[in-house]
Amino acid sequence: MSSIYKVLTEEEWEHAISLGYIVTKLDNDDGFIHLSTSKQLALTLHLYFKNSKKVILLEIDQDSIDEIVFEEAKSGSRLGKFPHLYGKLLIQNVKKDWTLKRNGFDLPKKVLEELEE
């Protein structure tokens, strides 16, 4: 099974470490935890984190979570089924974490959308 990922701001990651689980405003508002496959990750970063200088990328141990459902995107520009977690995403479900710094090149949104086709 391929990996799934969660992107957080540094503040969200620090808060998650102190709580023992990951929680974001967007996830709370939508009623589930947004996750991405590796194929969906570039456009997720572009759409939701384009103004961030640094983010935390988490690789999630999908086999340790039963409540993940792959559902069609609810926004018009995204294609395919996205992993959504209906339950808590515990710190212990994180296999690996990376700090990503913004680099000098940014692919156009149109090119990133084509990655998801």
Protein backbone atom coordinates (compact mmCIF):
# COMPACT_ATOMS: atom_id res chain seq x y z
CA MET A 1 0.00 0.00 0.00
CA SER A 2 1.35 3.44 -0.89
CA SER A 3 2.01 6.09 1.69
CA ILE A 4 -0.29 8.93 2.61
CA TYR A 5 0.77 12.31 3.89
CA LYS A 6 -0.33 15.21 6.07
CA VAL A 7 1.07 18.72 5.75
CA LEU A 8 1.12 21.04 8.76
CA THR A 9 2.47 24.41 9.67
CA GLU A 10 5.23 24.41 12.27
CA GLU A 11 2.76 25.76 14.84
CA GLU A 12 0.25 22.98 14.10
CA TRP A 13 2.98 20.35 14.46
CA GLU A 14 4.21 21.76 17.78
CA HIS A 15 0.61 21.84 19.05
CA ALA A 16 0.08 18.24 17.89
CA ILE A 17 3.18 17.03 19.71
CA SER A 18 1.94 18.60 22.94
CA LEU A 19 -1.56 17.04 22.51
CA GLY A 20 -0.45 13.64 21.22
CA TYR A 21 -2.66 13.95 18.13
CA ILE A 22 -2.98 16.22 15.10
CA VAL A 23 -5.74 18.78 14.86
CA THR A 24 -6.13 21.71 12.45
CA LYS A 25 -8.84 24.32 11.97
CA LEU A 26 -9.60 23.09 8.43
CA ASP A 27 -9.95 19.50 9.62
CA ASN A 28 -12.22 20.55 12.49
CA ASP A 29 -14.36 22.67 10.16
CA ASP A 30 -14.75 19.86 7.61
CA GLY A 31 -15.29 17.05 10.13
CA PHE A 32 -12.43 14.85 8.96
CA ILE A 33 -8.65 14.93 8.63
CA HIS A 34 -7.39 15.87 5.17
CA LEU A 35 -4.60 13.66 3.85
CA SER A 36 -2.90 13.38 0.46
CA THR A 37 -1.31 10.66 -1.62
CA SER A 38 2.14 11.35 -3.05
CA LYS A 39 0.47 12.14 -6.40
CA GLN A 40 -1.76 14.78 -4.76
CA LEU A 41 0.90 16.34 -2.56
CA ALA A 42 2.32 18.97 -4.93
CA LEU A 43 -1.05 20.61 -5.59
CA THR A 44 -2.00 20.40 -1.91
CA LEU A 45 1.17 22.32 -1.04
CA HIS A 46 0.47 24.87 -3.78
CA LEU A 47 -3.18 25.47 -2.86
CA TYR A 48 -2.99 25.50 0.93
CA PHE A 49 0.61 26.35 1.85
CA LYS A 50 1.86 28.64 -0.92
CA ASN A 51 2.44 31.49 1.54
CA SER A 52 4.32 29.37 4.06
CA LYS A 53 8.11 29.60 4.22
CA LYS A 54 8.36 26.24 5.95
CA VAL A 55 5.97 23.31 6.53
CA ILE A 56 6.11 19.90 8.17
CA LEU A 57 5.41 16.89 5.97
CA LEU A 58 4.27 13.77 7.78
CA GLU A 59 4.28 10.27 6.34
CA ILE A 60 1.38 8.39 7.89
CA ASP A 61 1.36 4.69 8.69
CA GLN A 62 -1.85 3.90 6.83
CA ASP A 63 -1.87 0.28 8.02
CA SER A 64 -2.23 1.41 11.64
CA ILE A 65 -5.47 3.35 10.99
CA ASP A 66 -8.84 1.77 10.21
CA GLU A 67 -10.92 4.92 9.68
CA ILE A 68 -9.34 6.16 6.42
CA VAL A 69 -11.79 6.50 3.55
CA PHE A 70 -10.89 7.47 -0.02
CA GLU A 71 -13.47 9.99 -1.23
CA GLU A 72 -13.93 12.23 -4.25
CA ALA A 73 -12.62 15.75 -3.75
CA LYS A 74 -15.24 18.25 -2.67
CA SER A 75 -13.54 21.20 -4.39
CA GLY A 76 -14.05 21.74 -8.10
CA SER A 77 -10.40 21.89 -9.18
CA ARG A 78 -9.18 18.67 -7.55
CA LEU A 79 -9.54 15.29 -9.22
CA GLY A 80 -9.52 11.79 -7.84
CA LYS A 81 -10.16 10.25 -4.47
CA PHE A 82 -8.48 11.71 -1.42
CA PRO A 83 -7.70 9.91 1.83
CA HIS A 84 -9.84 11.28 4.66
CA LEU A 85 -9.54 10.16 8.24
CA TYR A 86 -12.68 10.02 10.34
CA GLY A 87 -11.09 9.76 13.74
CA LYS A 88 -7.96 11.00 15.51
CA LEU A 89 -4.60 11.12 13.82
CA LEU A 90 -2.26 10.17 16.64
CA ILE A 91 1.40 11.12 16.74
CA GLN A 92 2.16 7.39 16.97
CA ASN A 93 0.62 6.99 13.45
CA VAL A 94 3.40 9.17 11.99
CA LYS A 95 6.12 7.06 10.34
CA LYS A 96 8.40 9.93 9.37
CA ASP A 97 8.46 13.71 9.39
CA TRP A 98 10.36 16.23 7.29
CA THR A 99 10.72 19.98 7.47
CA LEU A 100 10.21 21.42 3.98
CA LYS A 101 11.55 24.85 3.13
CA ARG A 102 10.19 26.86 0.23
CA ASN A 103 12.54 26.75 -2.73
CA GLY A 104 12.90 29.24 -5.57
CA PHE A 105 10.79 27.44 -8.21
CA ASP A 106 7.04 27.07 -8.16
CA LEU A 107 5.22 25.06 -10.83
CA PRO A 108 2.09 26.68 -12.31
CA LYS A 109 -1.21 25.45 -10.88
CA LYS A 110 -2.23 24.06 -14.30
CA VAL A 111 0.81 21.77 -14.36
CA LEU A 112 0.16 20.64 -10.79
CA GLU A 113 -3.48 19.84 -11.64
CA GLU A 114 -2.30 17.64 -14.50
CA LEU A 115 -0.37 15.52 -12.00
CA GLU A 116 -3.68 14.45 -10.46
CA GLU A 117 -5.31 13.38 -13.74
